[in-house]
Amino acid sequence: QVQLVESGGGLGQAGGSLRLSCIVSRGTFSSYTMGWFRQTPGKAREFVTAIGESGDRTDYANSVKGRFTISRDNAKNTVYLQMNGLKPEDTAVYFCARMNPRLPGSPFSRALYDIWGQGTQVTVSS
């Protein structure tokens, strides 16, 4: 069974940085687009960023473009989210997810991801 485990969350300061990691156990990691989403209480889980199988394609939500960077290391079955220029509104639970390649559509769509991690809390103080 494929499992995604996030780490690296915690408390950050406005203007500071945090780096999240997501390790994927089992499966052929390099065959899948990977994404990061985030969720705050009472709101829907929202797209943050995604990266293609080889890392050559990345997509970002407008709210994080220029501040966050997604990357992956296929040899380590790991996807990363480098978060710079943190803002209090970045406070959320962050989830990594694996996209189902059999489903057509854009990496921005939450419905295309069928395996999720448990999430890691990121809290940004002002």
Foldseek 3Di string as FASTA:
>chain_A
DKAKAKDFADEAEQQAKTKMKIAIPDDQLLQWKKFKWWDDPPDDIFGAKIAHSVRPDMDGDPVQPPFWDWGDDSVRRMIMIIGGNDDQVVWTWMKMFTFDPVDDDDPRDPVRTDHIHPTDTHGYHD
